[in-house]
Amino acid sequence: SDFKYARVPYIAVATDLLTGKEVRIKSGNIADAIR
């Protein structure tokens, strides 16, 4: 569960609750990104 093992470039989209801005997660732990 790490983006470096992704076979296809992938981004998980989240929202920063404090700023209201879109957050594009594309590195680190994939399970955390999905959560």
PDB file of all heavy atoms in Angstrom:
ATOM      1  N   SER A   1       0.812  -1.210   0.000  1.00  0.00           N
ATOM      2  CA  SER A   1       0.000   0.000   0.000  1.00  0.00           C
ATOM      3  C   SER A   1       0.852   1.270   0.000  1.00  0.00           C
ATOM      4  O   SER A   1       0.883   2.028   0.961  1.00  0.00           O
ATOM      5  CB  SER A   1      -0.929   0.000   1.220  1.00  0.00           C
ATOM      6  OG  SER A   1      -1.786   1.114   1.184  1.00  0.00           O
ATOM      7  N   ASP A   2       1.524   1.486  -1.112  1.00  0.00           N
ATOM      8  CA  ASP A   2       2.326   2.690  -1.270  1.00  0.00           C
ATOM      9  C   ASP A   2       2.252   3.117  -2.728  1.00  0.00           C
ATOM     10  O   ASP A   2       2.272   2.272  -3.632  1.00  0.00           O
ATOM     11  CB  ASP A   2       3.781   2.444  -0.862  1.00  0.00           C
ATOM     12  CG  ASP A   2       4.553   3.752  -0.728  1.00  0.00           C
ATOM     13  OD1 ASP A   2       4.806   4.413  -1.757  1.00  0.00           O
ATOM     14  OD2 ASP A   2       4.884   4.121   0.408  1.00  0.00           O
ATOM     15  N   PHE A   3       2.145   4.416  -2.946  1.00  0.00           N
ATOM     16  CA  PHE A   3       2.009   4.923  -4.317  1.00  0.00           C
ATOM     17  C   PHE A   3       3.167   4.503  -5.217  1.00  0.00           C
ATOM     18  O   PHE A   3       2.998   4.408  -6.431  1.00  0.00           O
ATOM     19  CB  PHE A   3       1.900   6.451  -4.299  1.00  0.00           C
ATOM     20  CG  PHE A   3       0.509   6.959  -3.994  1.00  0.00           C
ATOM     21  CD1 PHE A   3       0.074   7.080  -2.687  1.00  0.00           C
ATOM     22  CD2 PHE A   3      -0.359   7.311  -5.017  1.00  0.00           C
ATOM     23  CE1 PHE A   3      -1.196   7.555  -2.394  1.00  0.00           C
ATOM     24  CE2 PHE A   3      -1.636   7.779  -4.752  1.00  0.00           C
ATOM     25  CZ  PHE A   3      -2.053   7.903  -3.426  1.00  0.00           C
ATOM     26  N   LYS A   4       4.329   4.255  -4.653  1.00  0.00           N
ATOM     27  CA  LYS A   4       5.470   3.879  -5.492  1.00  0.00           C
ATOM     28  C   LYS A   4       5.279   2.516  -6.149  1.00  0.00           C
ATOM     29  O   LYS A   4       5.956   2.187  -7.120  1.00  0.00           O
ATOM     30  CB  LYS A   4       6.763   3.905  -4.682  1.00  0.00           C
ATOM     31  CG  LYS A   4       6.874   2.857  -3.595  1.00  0.00           C
ATOM     32  CD  LYS A   4       8.167   3.038  -2.803  1.00  0.00           C
ATOM     33  CE  LYS A   4       8.299   2.014  -1.695  1.00  0.00           C
ATOM     34  NZ  LYS A   4       9.523   2.215  -0.885  1.00  0.00           N
ATOM     35  N   TYR A   5       4.325   1.724  -5.641  1.00  0.00           N
ATOM     36  CA  TYR A   5       4.050   0.414  -6.232  1.00  0.00           C
ATOM     37  C   TYR A   5       2.887   0.452  -7.228  1.00  0.00           C
ATOM     38  O   TYR A   5       2.539  -0.573  -7.814  1.00  0.00           O
ATOM     39  CB  TYR A   5       3.733  -0.613  -5.138  1.00  0.00           C
ATOM     40  CG  TYR A   5       4.895  -0.886  -4.208  1.00  0.00           C
ATOM     41  CD1 TYR A   5       4.846  -0.486  -2.872  1.00  0.00           C
ATOM     42  CD2 TYR A   5       6.050  -1.514  -4.667  1.00  0.00           C
ATOM     43  CE1 TYR A   5       5.911  -0.722  -2.019  1.00  0.00           C
ATOM     44  CE2 TYR A   5       7.120  -1.752  -3.817  1.00  0.00           C
ATOM     45  CZ  TYR A   5       7.044  -1.359  -2.496  1.00  0.00           C
ATOM     46  OH  TYR A   5       8.106  -1.588  -1.650  1.00  0.00           O
ATOM     47  N   ALA A   6       2.290   1.620  -7.421  1.00  0.00           N
ATOM     48  CA  ALA A   6       1.156   1.736  -8.343  1.00  0.00           C
ATOM     49  C   ALA A   6       1.599   1.479  -9.780  1.00  0.00           C
ATOM     50  O   ALA A   6       2.590   2.035 -10.243  1.00  0.00           O
ATOM     51  CB  ALA A   6       0.527   3.115  -8.225  1.00  0.00           C
ATOM     52  N   ARG A   7       0.864   0.620 -10.462  1.00  0.00           N
ATOM     53  CA  ARG A   7       1.177   0.307 -11.858  1.00  0.00           C
ATOM     54  C   ARG A   7       0.677   1.393 -12.805  1.00  0.00           C
ATOM     55  O   ARG A   7       1.169   1.530 -13.923  1.00  0.00           O
ATOM     56  CB  ARG A   7       0.543  -1.041 -12.245  1.00  0.00           C
ATOM     57  CG  ARG A   7       1.071  -2.231 -11.466  1.00  0.00           C
ATOM     58  CD  ARG A   7       0.402  -3.517 -11.904  1.00  0.00           C
ATOM     59  NE  ARG A   7      -1.038  -3.470 -11.705  1.00  0.00           N
ATOM     60  CZ  ARG A   7      -1.647  -3.755 -10.557  1.00  0.00           C
ATOM     61  NH1 ARG A   7      -0.935  -4.086  -9.487  1.00  0.00           N
ATOM     62  NH2 ARG A   7      -2.955  -3.700 -10.460  1.00  0.00           N
ATOM     63  N   VAL A   8      -0.339   2.127 -12.354  1.00  0.00           N
ATOM     64  CA  VAL A   8      -0.945   3.196 -13.147  1.00  0.00           C
ATOM     65  C   VAL A   8      -0.948   4.466 -12.292  1.00  0.00           C
ATOM     66  O   VAL A   8      -1.307   4.408 -11.109  1.00  0.00           O
ATOM     67  CB  VAL A   8      -2.394   2.834 -13.537  1.00  0.00           C
ATOM     68  CG1 VAL A   8      -3.066   3.981 -14.282  1.00  0.00           C
ATOM     69  CG2 VAL A   8      -2.430   1.563 -14.370  1.00  0.00           C
ATOM     70  N   PRO A   9      -0.528   5.613 -12.842  1.00  0.00           N
ATOM     71  CA  PRO A   9      -0.585   6.859 -12.075  1.00  0.00           C
ATOM     72  C   PRO A   9      -1.989   7.096 -11.510  1.00  0.00           C
ATOM     73  O   PRO A   9      -2.982   7.029 -12.235  1.00  0.00           O
ATOM     74  CB  PRO A   9      -0.221   7.922 -13.124  1.00  0.00           C
ATOM     75  CG  PRO A   9       0.628   7.194 -14.107  1.00  0.00           C
ATOM     76  CD  PRO A   9       0.044   5.816 -14.191  1.00  0.00           C
ATOM     77  N   TYR A  10      -2.040   7.380 -10.206  1.00  0.00           N
ATOM     78  CA  TYR A  10      -3.318   7.422  -9.497  1.00  0.00           C
ATOM     79  C   TYR A  10      -3.330   8.556  -8.480  1.00  0.00           C
ATOM     80  O   TYR A  10      -2.320   8.832  -7.828  1.00  0.00           O
ATOM     81  CB  TYR A  10      -3.512   6.063  -8.799  1.00  0.00           C
ATOM     82  CG  TYR A  10      -4.416   6.067  -7.588  1.00  0.00           C
ATOM     83  CD1 TYR A  10      -5.791   6.238  -7.714  1.00  0.00           C
ATOM     84  CD2 TYR A  10      -3.894   5.880  -6.303  1.00  0.00           C
ATOM     85  CE1 TYR A  10      -6.617   6.223  -6.589  1.00  0.00           C
ATOM     86  CE2 TYR A  10      -4.705   5.859  -5.186  1.00  0.00           C
ATOM     87  CZ  TYR A  10      -6.071   6.032  -5.329  1.00  0.00           C
ATOM     88  OH  TYR A  10      -6.885   6.026  -4.225  1.00  0.00           O
ATOM     89  N   ILE A  11      -4.479   9.224  -8.377  1.00  0.00           N
ATOM     90  CA  ILE A  11      -4.653  10.295  -7.396  1.00  0.00           C
ATOM     91  C   ILE A  11      -5.968  10.088  -6.650  1.00  0.00           C
ATOM     92  O   ILE A  11      -7.008   9.807  -7.259  1.00  0.00           O
ATOM     93  CB  ILE A  11      -4.649  11.683  -8.069  1.00  0.00           C
ATOM     94  CG1 ILE A  11      -3.235  12.030  -8.570  1.00  0.00           C
ATOM     95  CG2 ILE A  11      -5.146  12.766  -7.106  1.00  0.00           C
ATOM     96  CD1 ILE A  11      -3.145  13.367  -9.296  1.00  0.00           C
ATOM     97  N   ALA A  12      -5.907  10.224  -5.324  1.00  0.00           N
ATOM     98  CA  ALA A  12      -7.108  10.199  -4.487  1.00  0.00           C
ATOM     99  C   ALA A  12      -7.438  11.634  -4.107  1.00  0.00           C
ATOM    100  O   ALA A  12      -6.555  12.392  -3.686  1.00  0.00           O
ATOM    101  CB  ALA A  12      -6.868   9.359  -3.237  1.00  0.00           C
ATOM    102  N   VAL A  13      -8.702  12.007  -4.259  1.00  0.00           N
ATOM    103  CA  VAL A  13      -9.118  13.387  -3.995  1.00  0.00           C
ATOM    104  C   VAL A  13      -9.789  13.493  -2.630  1.00  0.00           C
ATOM    105  O   VAL A  13     -10.722  12.756  -2.326  1.00  0.00           O
ATOM    106  CB  VAL A  13     -10.085  13.895  -5.085  1.00  0.00           C
ATOM    107  CG1 VAL A  13     -10.500  15.333  -4.800  1.00  0.00           C
ATOM    108  CG2 VAL A  13      -9.437  13.792  -6.463  1.00  0.00           C
ATOM    109  N   ALA A  14      -9.299  14.409  -1.816  1.00  0.00           N
ATOM    110  CA  ALA A  14      -9.875  14.668  -0.493  1.00  0.00           C
ATOM    111  C   ALA A  14     -10.110  16.173  -0.362  1.00  0.00           C
ATOM    112  O   ALA A  14      -9.810  16.949  -1.278  1.00  0.00           O
ATOM    113  CB  ALA A  14      -8.950  14.162   0.608  1.00  0.00           C
ATOM    114  N   THR A  15     -10.643  16.572   0.800  1.00  0.00           N
ATOM    115  CA  THR A  15     -10.906  17.989   1.058  1.00  0.00           C
ATOM    116  C   THR A  15     -10.315  18.381   2.406  1.00  0.00           C
ATOM    117  O   THR A  15     -10.498  17.671   3.395  1.00  0.00           O
ATOM    118  CB  THR A  15     -12.428  18.271   1.094  1.00  0.00           C
ATOM    119  OG1 THR A  15     -13.025  17.841  -0.124  1.00  0.00           O
ATOM    120  CG2 THR A  15     -12.703  19.761   1.285  1.00  0.00           C
ATOM    121  N   ASP A  16      -9.600  19.507   2.438  1.00  0.00           N
ATOM    122  CA  ASP A  16      -9.069  20.030   3.691  1.00  0.00           C
ATOM    123  C   ASP A  16     -10.217  20.700   4.439  1.00  0.00           C
ATOM    124  O   ASP A  16     -10.785  21.699   3.981  1.00  0.00           O
ATOM    125  CB  ASP A  16      -7.956  21.046   3.404  1.00  0.00           C
ATOM    126  CG  ASP A  16      -7.234  21.501   4.669  1.00  0.00           C
ATOM    127  OD1 ASP A  16      -7.900  21.671   5.703  1.00  0.00           O
ATOM    128  OD2 ASP A  16      -6.010  21.696   4.617  1.00  0.00           O
ATOM    129  N   LEU A  17     -10.572  20.153   5.592  1.00  0.00           N
ATOM    130  CA  LEU A  17     -11.719  20.627   6.349  1.00  0.00           C
ATOM    131  C   LEU A  17     -11.550  22.066   6.826  1.00  0.00           C
ATOM    132  O   LEU A  17     -12.529  22.797   6.983  1.00  0.00           O
ATOM    133  CB  LEU A  17     -11.959  19.707   7.555  1.00  0.00           C
ATOM    134  CG  LEU A  17     -13.229  19.921   8.385  1.00  0.00           C
ATOM    135  CD1 LEU A  17     -14.471  19.714   7.537  1.00  0.00           C
ATOM    136  CD2 LEU A  17     -13.243  18.978   9.578  1.00  0.00           C
ATOM    137  N   LEU A  18     -10.317  22.499   7.055  1.00  0.00           N
ATOM    138  CA  LEU A  18     -10.085  23.832   7.608  1.00  0.00           C
ATOM    139  C   LEU A  18     -10.025  24.925   6.537  1.00  0.00           C
ATOM    140  O   LEU A  18     -10.407  26.060   6.782  1.00  0.00           O
ATOM    141  CB  LEU A  18      -8.789  23.834   8.433  1.00  0.00           C
ATOM    142  CG  LEU A  18      -8.783  22.882   9.641  1.00  0.00           C
ATOM    143  CD1 LEU A  18      -7.453  22.972  10.384  1.00  0.00           C
ATOM    144  CD2 LEU A  18      -9.935  23.194  10.588  1.00  0.00           C
ATOM    145  N   THR A  19      -9.526  24.569   5.352  1.00  0.00           N
ATOM    146  CA  THR A  19      -9.392  25.572   4.287  1.00  0.00           C
ATOM    147  C   THR A  19     -10.456  25.439   3.205  1.00  0.00           C
ATOM    148  O   THR A  19     -10.681  26.368   2.436  1.00  0.00           O
ATOM    149  CB  THR A  19      -8.008  25.475   3.617  1.00  0.00           C
ATOM    150  OG1 THR A  19      -7.905  24.214   2.928  1.00  0.00           O
ATOM    151  CG2 THR A  19      -6.893  25.582   4.646  1.00  0.00           C
ATOM    152  N   GLY A  20     -11.071  24.255   3.128  1.00  0.00           N
ATOM    153  CA  GLY A  20     -12.061  24.009   2.077  1.00  0.00           C
ATOM    154  C   GLY A  20     -11.446  23.751   0.721  1.00  0.00           C
ATOM    155  O   GLY A  20     -12.147  23.711  -0.294  1.00  0.00           O
ATOM    156  N   LYS A  21     -10.130  23.540   0.692  1.00  0.00           N
ATOM    157  CA  LYS A  21      -9.442  23.341  -0.583  1.00  0.00           C
ATOM    158  C   LYS A  21      -9.350  21.860  -0.954  1.00  0.00           C
ATOM    159  O   LYS A  21      -9.299  20.990  -0.092  1.00  0.00           O
ATOM    160  CB  LYS A  21      -8.034  23.944  -0.521  1.00  0.00           C
ATOM    161  CG  LYS A  21      -8.027  25.467  -0.433  1.00  0.00           C
ATOM    162  CD  LYS A  21      -6.605  26.015  -0.436  1.00  0.00           C
ATOM    163  CE  LYS A  21      -6.604  27.540  -0.394  1.00  0.00           C
ATOM    164  NZ  LYS A  21      -5.222  28.086  -0.372  1.00  0.00           N
ATOM    165  N   GLU A  22      -9.326  21.613  -2.248  1.00  0.00           N
ATOM    166  CA  GLU A  22      -9.137  20.265  -2.770  1.00  0.00           C
ATOM    167  C   GLU A  22      -7.718  19.795  -2.480  1.00  0.00           C
ATOM    168  O   GLU A  22      -6.764  20.555  -2.628  1.00  0.00           O
ATOM    169  CB  GLU A  22      -9.392  20.279  -4.281  1.00  0.00           C
ATOM    170  CG  GLU A  22      -9.137  18.967  -4.984  1.00  0.00           C
ATOM    171  CD  GLU A  22      -9.312  19.095  -6.494  1.00  0.00           C
ATOM    172  OE1 GLU A  22     -10.430  19.437  -6.945  1.00  0.00           O
ATOM    173  OE2 GLU A  22      -8.333  18.870  -7.217  1.00  0.00           O
ATOM    174  N   VAL A  23      -7.612  18.553  -2.045  1.00  0.00           N
ATOM    175  CA  VAL A  23      -6.294  17.961  -1.781  1.00  0.00           C
ATOM    176  C   VAL A  23      -6.126  16.743  -2.679  1.00  0.00           C
ATOM    177  O   VAL A  23      -6.927  15.808  -2.619  1.00  0.00           O
ATOM    178  CB  VAL A  23      -6.152  17.539  -0.302  1.00  0.00           C
ATOM    179  CG1 VAL A  23      -4.799  16.879  -0.062  1.00  0.00           C
ATOM    180  CG2 VAL A  23      -6.327  18.743   0.618  1.00  0.00           C
ATOM    181  N   ARG A  24      -5.102  16.775  -3.513  1.00  0.00           N
ATOM    182  CA  ARG A  24      -4.832  15.661  -4.423  1.00  0.00           C
ATOM    183  C   ARG A  24      -3.697  14.831  -3.840  1.00  0.00           C
ATOM    184  O   ARG A  24      -2.547  15.265  -3.817  1.00  0.00           O
ATOM    185  CB  ARG A  24      -4.463  16.178  -5.819  1.00  0.00           C
ATOM    186  CG  ARG A  24      -5.564  17.016  -6.458  1.00  0.00           C
ATOM    187  CD  ARG A  24      -5.161  17.522  -7.842  1.00  0.00           C
ATOM    188  NE  ARG A  24      -6.227  18.303  -8.449  1.00  0.00           N
ATOM    189  CZ  ARG A  24      -6.191  18.792  -9.682  1.00  0.00           C
ATOM    190  NH1 ARG A  24      -5.117  18.577 -10.454  1.00  0.00           N
ATOM    191  NH2 ARG A  24      -7.210  19.491 -10.157  1.00  0.00           N
ATOM    192  N   ILE A  25      -4.029  13.639  -3.373  1.00  0.00           N
ATOM    193  CA  ILE A  25      -3.025  12.793  -2.725  1.00  0.00           C
ATOM    194  C   ILE A  25      -2.431  11.834  -3.762  1.00  0.00           C
ATOM    195  O   ILE A  25      -3.164  11.036  -4.363  1.00  0.00           O
ATOM    196  CB  ILE A  25      -3.646  12.009  -1.560  1.00  0.00           C
ATOM    197  CG1 ILE A  25      -4.384  12.964  -0.608  1.00  0.00           C
ATOM    198  CG2 ILE A  25      -2.562  11.250  -0.802  1.00  0.00           C
ATOM    199  CD1 ILE A  25      -5.148  12.259   0.495  1.00  0.00           C
ATOM    200  N   LYS A  26      -1.123  11.918  -3.959  1.00  0.00           N
ATOM    201  CA  LYS A  26      -0.475  11.095  -4.978  1.00  0.00           C
ATOM    202  C   LYS A  26       0.847  10.495  -4.516  1.00  0.00           C
ATOM    203  O   LYS A  26       1.644  10.022  -5.324  1.00  0.00           O
ATOM    204  CB  LYS A  26      -0.272  11.900  -6.262  1.00  0.00           C
ATOM    205  CG  LYS A  26       0.432  13.228  -6.063  1.00  0.00           C
ATOM    206  CD  LYS A  26       0.411  14.018  -7.365  1.00  0.00           C
ATOM    207  CE  LYS A  26       1.019  15.406  -7.157  1.00  0.00           C
ATOM    208  NZ  LYS A  26       0.980  16.213  -8.408  1.00  0.00           N
ATOM    209  N   SER A  27       1.079  10.540  -3.207  1.00  0.00           N
ATOM    210  CA  SER A  27       2.292   9.921  -2.661  1.00  0.00           C
ATOM    211  C   SER A  27       2.018   9.448  -1.244  1.00  0.00           C
ATOM    212  O   SER A  27       1.040   9.848  -0.614  1.00  0.00           O
ATOM    213  CB  SER A  27       3.452  10.927  -2.658  1.00  0.00           C
ATOM    214  OG  SER A  27       3.158  12.020  -1.808  1.00  0.00           O
ATOM    215  N   GLY A  28       2.909   8.560  -0.762  1.00  0.00           N
ATOM    216  CA  GLY A  28       2.731   8.044   0.585  1.00  0.00           C
ATOM    217  C   GLY A  28       1.938   6.752   0.607  1.00  0.00           C
ATOM    218  O   GLY A  28       2.022   5.935  -0.313  1.00  0.00           O
ATOM    219  N   ASN A  29       1.136   6.583   1.640  1.00  0.00           N
ATOM    220  CA  ASN A  29       0.374   5.353   1.849  1.00  0.00           C
ATOM    221  C   ASN A  29      -0.987   5.417   1.155  1.00  0.00           C
ATOM    222  O   ASN A  29      -1.791   6.317   1.428  1.00  0.00           O
ATOM    223  CB  ASN A  29       0.188   5.131   3.358  1.00  0.00           C
ATOM    224  CG  ASN A  29      -0.407   3.782   3.669  1.00  0.00           C
ATOM    225  OD1 ASN A  29      -1.577   3.546   3.401  1.00  0.00           O
ATOM    226  ND2 ASN A  29       0.381   2.894   4.246  1.00  0.00           N
ATOM    227  N   ILE A  30      -1.250   4.482   0.253  1.00  0.00           N
ATOM    228  CA  ILE A  30      -2.507   4.483  -0.503  1.00  0.00           C
ATOM    229  C   ILE A  30      -3.702   4.263   0.410  1.00  0.00           C
ATOM    230  O   ILE A  30      -4.763   4.890   0.235  1.00  0.00           O
ATOM    231  CB  ILE A  30      -2.472   3.424  -1.624  1.00  0.00           C
ATOM    232  CG1 ILE A  30      -1.477   3.846  -2.706  1.00  0.00           C
ATOM    233  CG2 ILE A  30      -3.850   3.226  -2.234  1.00  0.00           C
ATOM    234  CD1 ILE A  30      -1.348   2.865  -3.849  1.00  0.00           C
ATOM    235  N   ALA A  31      -3.570   3.373   1.389  1.00  0.00           N
ATOM    236  CA  ALA A  31      -4.686   3.117   2.303  1.00  0.00           C
ATOM    237  C   ALA A  31      -5.078   4.384   3.058  1.00  0.00           C
ATOM    238  O   ALA A  31      -6.261   4.664   3.257  1.00  0.00           O
ATOM    239  CB  ALA A  31      -4.324   1.997   3.274  1.00  0.00           C
ATOM    240  N   ASP A  32      -4.090   5.162   3.481  1.00  0.00           N
ATOM    241  CA  ASP A  32      -4.366   6.433   4.156  1.00  0.00           C
ATOM    242  C   ASP A  32      -5.059   7.409   3.201  1.00  0.00           C
ATOM    243  O   ASP A  32      -5.979   8.138   3.589  1.00  0.00           O
ATOM    244  CB  ASP A  32      -3.066   7.067   4.665  1.00  0.00           C
ATOM    245  CG  ASP A  32      -2.515   6.366   5.902  1.00  0.00           C
ATOM    246  OD1 ASP A  32      -3.248   5.549   6.492  1.00  0.00           O
ATOM    247  OD2 ASP A  32      -1.355   6.636   6.265  1.00  0.00           O
ATOM    248  N   ALA A  33      -4.591   7.437   1.954  1.00  0.00           N
ATOM    249  CA  ALA A  33      -5.179   8.334   0.956  1.00  0.00           C
ATOM    250  C   ALA A  33      -6.648   8.004   0.732  1.00  0.00           C
ATOM    251  O   ALA A  33      -7.512   8.893   0.672  1.00  0.00           O
ATOM    252  CB  ALA A  33      -4.404   8.230  -0.355  1.00  0.00           C
ATOM    253  N   ILE A  34      -6.940   6.714   0.614  1.00  0.00           N
ATOM    254  CA  ILE A  34      -8.325   6.278   0.404  1.00  0.00           C
ATOM    255  C   ILE A  34      -9.175   6.589   1.632  1.00  0.00           C
ATOM    256  O   ILE A  34     -10.301   7.083   1.524  1.00  0.00           O
ATOM    257  CB  ILE A  34      -8.373   4.776   0.076  1.00  0.00           C
ATOM    258  CG1 ILE A  34      -7.708   4.503  -1.283  1.00  0.00           C
ATOM    259  CG2 ILE A  34      -9.823   4.277   0.061  1.00  0.00           C
ATOM    260  CD1 ILE A  34      -7.505   3.029  -1.588  1.00  0.00           C
ATOM    261  N   ARG A  35      -8.613   6.309   2.808  1.00  0.00           N
ATOM    262  CA  ARG A  35      -9.348   6.578   4.060  1.00  0.00           C
ATOM    263  C   ARG A  35      -9.712   8.056   4.165  1.00  0.00           C
ATOM    264  O   ARG A  35     -10.808   8.418   4.605  1.00  0.00           O
ATOM    265  CB  ARG A  35      -8.502   6.129   5.254  1.00  0.00           C
ATOM    266  CG  ARG A  35      -9.031   6.539   6.629  1.00  0.00           C
ATOM    267  CD  ARG A  35     -10.404   5.950   6.933  1.00  0.00           C
ATOM    268  NE  ARG A  35     -10.875   6.428   8.224  1.00  0.00           N
ATOM    269  CZ  ARG A  35     -11.504   7.577   8.433  1.00  0.00           C
ATOM    270  NH1 ARG A  35     -11.724   8.388   7.410  1.00  0.00           N
ATOM    271  NH2 ARG A  35     -11.905   7.922   9.645  1.00  0.00           N
TER     272      ARG A  35
END
